[in-house]
Structure formats: C-alpha cells, structure tokens
Amino acid sequence: MTGRLNSAQPYALGLYRIVVGLLFLCHGAASLFGVLGGAAGTGGTLEAGTWPGWYAAVIQLVGGALVLLGLGTRVAALVAAGSMAYAYFKVHQPTALWPMENGGEAAAMFCWAFLLLVFTGSGAFGLDRLFAKRSATERKPAAEPVAV
C-alpha cells in the first residue's frame, strides 16, 4: 500500500497546491474586487495602497494565482507564507494567544500550507514541471555523429 501511495504523491501534492492557491486567490479577489462577499465579508473593497490590507490582498491574488498555476511555486509560496505569518503575529496574535481565540486560524493554516509548498515544490499538474522538462530537453547535447 505504501508503494501505491508514494506513486500518487506528486498528484496529491498537485491537487493540494491547486486548492490552496485557489482559496488564497479568492481572498485577494474578494478584498480587491468586492466579489465573493467582498473585503471582510462587507461587500466592499479595500482602498488602493492602504497598509497592510491592500498589499496583503495583492499578495493573495498574485501569489494565489501563481501557486494555483504551479508557476514559481516555491518563491510565491514563500512570499505568501511570510505575509500570513505577518498577518497572524501583527493582527491576530496581539488580541489573544490561541488562533481559536484571536480569529487567526486561516492565517495560521495558510502560513503552514504555503511553507509546506516551499519545501515540496509544485507536484504534478504545475507549469514549473512543464518548463523544467522543456528546459531539460533544450540542454541535452546533440548526439555526436558516429565515425565509420
């Protein structure tokens, strides 16, 4: 059974990456465009350039899209994880110690989810893999002619 699960690992990781990226992208789209309930569920949007919310929303939108596509996954996930760590420690943690008490569960979960992707990479279905394969085939030296 372990062998079967290990062979499915890149596909499970790819699906995990897609779901996490999509959910993160939705948070950014809600805050920037007022869709899906809008910023903080108010139906509105964040004013451009306001610190830290608008910048966090841009990171959520762009980082979520890159992770969803599996393009520059490790770097995008590192930036996203950092933004969620900032959100947790500067916004949520000062009000109470535990995420259940301070409303920081989503920030904590996203932070750790993205940190995992930093170390694992994009898995299957990602554009990272497509470009890596294309790059590898371009680097292969041409076969030397056989002397007769």
Protein backbone atom coordinates (compact mmCIF):
# COMPACT_ATOMS: atom_id res chain seq x y z
CA MET A 1 0.00 0.00 0.00
CA THR A 2 2.88 2.37 0.75
CA GLY A 3 4.17 1.95 -2.79
CA ARG A 4 0.80 2.93 -4.28
CA LEU A 5 0.52 5.96 -2.03
CA ASN A 6 4.09 7.03 -2.82
CA SER A 7 3.44 6.79 -6.55
CA ALA A 8 0.36 9.02 -6.16
CA GLN A 9 2.20 11.60 -4.07
CA PRO A 10 3.01 14.09 -6.87
CA TYR A 11 -0.65 14.08 -7.97
CA ALA A 12 -1.98 14.56 -4.44
CA LEU A 13 0.51 17.37 -3.90
CA GLY A 14 -0.52 18.97 -7.19
CA LEU A 15 -4.19 18.90 -6.20
CA TYR A 16 -3.31 20.26 -2.75
CA ARG A 17 -1.39 23.13 -4.37
CA ILE A 18 -4.31 23.92 -6.71
CA VAL A 19 -6.86 24.05 -3.88
CA VAL A 20 -4.66 26.13 -1.55
CA GLY A 21 -3.79 28.54 -4.37
CA LEU A 22 -7.43 28.91 -5.40
CA LEU A 23 -8.60 29.59 -1.85
CA PHE A 24 -5.85 32.19 -1.35
CA LEU A 25 -6.62 33.84 -4.69
CA CYS A 26 -10.30 34.09 -3.66
CA HIS A 27 -9.33 36.05 -0.52
CA GLY A 28 -7.39 38.55 -2.62
CA ALA A 29 -10.15 38.85 -5.23
CA ALA A 30 -12.74 39.45 -2.53
CA SER A 31 -10.72 42.25 -0.96
CA LEU A 32 -9.66 43.92 -4.21
CA PHE A 33 -12.77 43.49 -6.37
CA GLY A 34 -15.61 43.05 -3.86
CA VAL A 35 -16.57 39.60 -5.18
CA LEU A 36 -17.42 36.59 -3.02
CA GLY A 37 -18.66 38.74 -0.16
CA GLY A 38 -16.06 41.48 -0.51
CA ALA A 39 -13.44 42.67 1.94
CA ALA A 40 -14.03 41.11 5.38
CA GLY A 41 -17.49 40.00 4.20
CA THR A 42 -18.74 43.59 3.93
CA GLY A 43 -19.27 43.51 0.16
CA GLY A 44 -16.82 46.39 -0.25
CA THR A 45 -13.26 46.67 -1.43
CA LEU A 46 -10.06 47.91 0.16
CA GLU A 47 -8.83 51.37 -0.76
CA ALA A 48 -5.78 51.12 -3.01
CA GLY A 49 -2.48 51.47 -1.21
CA THR A 50 -3.77 51.11 2.36
CA TRP A 51 -1.34 49.34 4.68
CA PRO A 52 -1.35 46.41 5.29
CA GLY A 53 -4.68 45.18 3.91
CA TRP A 54 -4.40 46.24 0.28
CA TYR A 55 -0.84 44.92 -0.03
CA ALA A 56 -1.88 41.65 1.60
CA ALA A 57 -4.74 41.36 -0.89
CA VAL A 58 -2.37 41.87 -3.83
CA ILE A 59 -0.08 39.17 -2.43
CA GLN A 60 -3.11 36.91 -2.00
CA LEU A 61 -4.32 37.48 -5.56
CA VAL A 62 -0.97 37.22 -7.34
CA GLY A 63 0.57 34.61 -5.02
CA GLY A 64 -2.60 32.52 -5.10
CA ALA A 65 -2.68 32.63 -8.91
CA LEU A 66 0.99 31.64 -9.21
CA VAL A 67 0.59 28.79 -6.72
CA LEU A 68 -2.63 27.66 -8.42
CA LEU A 69 -0.83 27.51 -11.77
CA GLY A 70 2.29 26.00 -10.27
CA LEU A 71 4.44 28.79 -11.70
CA GLY A 72 7.31 29.92 -9.49
CA THR A 73 5.63 27.92 -6.77
CA ARG A 74 8.40 27.92 -4.19
CA VAL A 75 9.05 31.66 -4.35
CA ALA A 76 5.34 32.57 -4.47
CA ALA A 77 4.64 30.22 -1.56
CA LEU A 78 7.48 31.74 0.47
CA VAL A 79 6.11 35.27 -0.01
CA ALA A 80 2.57 34.07 0.77
CA ALA A 81 3.71 32.22 3.91
CA GLY A 82 5.56 35.32 5.08
CA SER A 83 2.53 37.53 4.52
CA MET A 84 0.36 35.15 6.53
CA ALA A 85 2.92 34.96 9.34
CA TYR A 86 2.90 38.77 9.43
CA ALA A 87 -0.91 38.78 9.46
CA TYR A 88 -1.01 36.31 12.31
CA PHE A 89 1.60 37.93 14.56
CA LYS A 90 0.75 41.59 13.90
CA VAL A 91 -3.03 41.44 13.50
CA HIS A 92 -4.35 38.36 15.30
CA GLN A 93 -1.89 37.29 18.00
CA PRO A 94 -1.86 40.58 19.96
CA THR A 95 -5.56 40.13 20.81
CA ALA A 96 -5.20 36.60 22.24
CA LEU A 97 -2.68 33.77 22.35
CA TRP A 98 -4.55 30.97 20.56
CA PRO A 99 -5.87 31.09 16.97
CA MET A 100 -9.28 29.91 18.19
CA GLU A 101 -9.48 32.98 20.39
CA ASN A 102 -7.96 35.60 18.09
CA GLY A 103 -9.57 34.70 14.73
CA GLY A 104 -6.22 33.84 13.19
CA GLU A 105 -6.90 30.23 12.20
CA ALA A 106 -6.98 30.99 8.46
CA ALA A 107 -3.75 32.98 8.63
CA ALA A 108 -2.00 30.22 10.59
CA MET A 109 -3.25 27.46 8.30
CA PHE A 110 -2.34 29.35 5.12
CA CYS A 111 1.11 30.12 6.54
CA TRP A 112 1.86 26.45 7.21
CA ALA A 113 0.23 25.28 3.98
CA PHE A 114 2.44 27.59 1.93
CA LEU A 115 5.52 26.74 3.96
CA LEU A 116 4.97 23.09 3.05
CA LEU A 117 4.87 24.05 -0.65
CA VAL A 118 8.16 25.92 -0.27
CA PHE A 119 9.83 22.62 0.63
CA THR A 120 7.88 20.23 -1.61
CA GLY A 121 7.53 22.25 -4.79
CA SER A 122 4.55 22.21 -7.11
CA GLY A 123 3.90 18.50 -7.51
CA ALA A 124 2.07 17.31 -10.61
CA PHE A 125 -0.01 19.50 -12.94
CA GLY A 126 2.18 22.58 -12.41
CA LEU A 127 3.71 24.83 -15.04
CA ASP A 128 7.00 24.56 -13.11
CA ARG A 129 7.28 20.94 -14.21
CA LEU A 130 6.37 21.74 -17.80
CA PHE A 131 9.09 24.38 -18.04
CA ALA A 132 11.60 22.15 -16.24
CA LYS A 133 11.01 19.37 -18.80
CA ARG A 134 11.28 21.79 -21.71
CA SER A 135 14.47 23.28 -20.29
CA ALA A 136 16.00 19.82 -19.74
CA THR A 137 15.36 18.77 -23.35
CA GLU A 138 16.92 22.00 -24.64
CA ARG A 139 20.07 21.38 -22.57
CA LYS A 140 20.64 17.86 -23.86
CA PRO A 141 23.63 17.87 -26.17
CA ALA A 142 23.06 16.62 -29.68
CA ALA A 143 24.24 13.10 -30.32
CA GLU A 144 27.72 13.02 -31.76
CA PRO A 145 27.98 11.57 -35.24
CA VAL A 146 29.30 8.05 -35.37
CA ALA A 147 32.59 7.72 -37.23
CA VAL A 148 32.61 4.99 -39.85
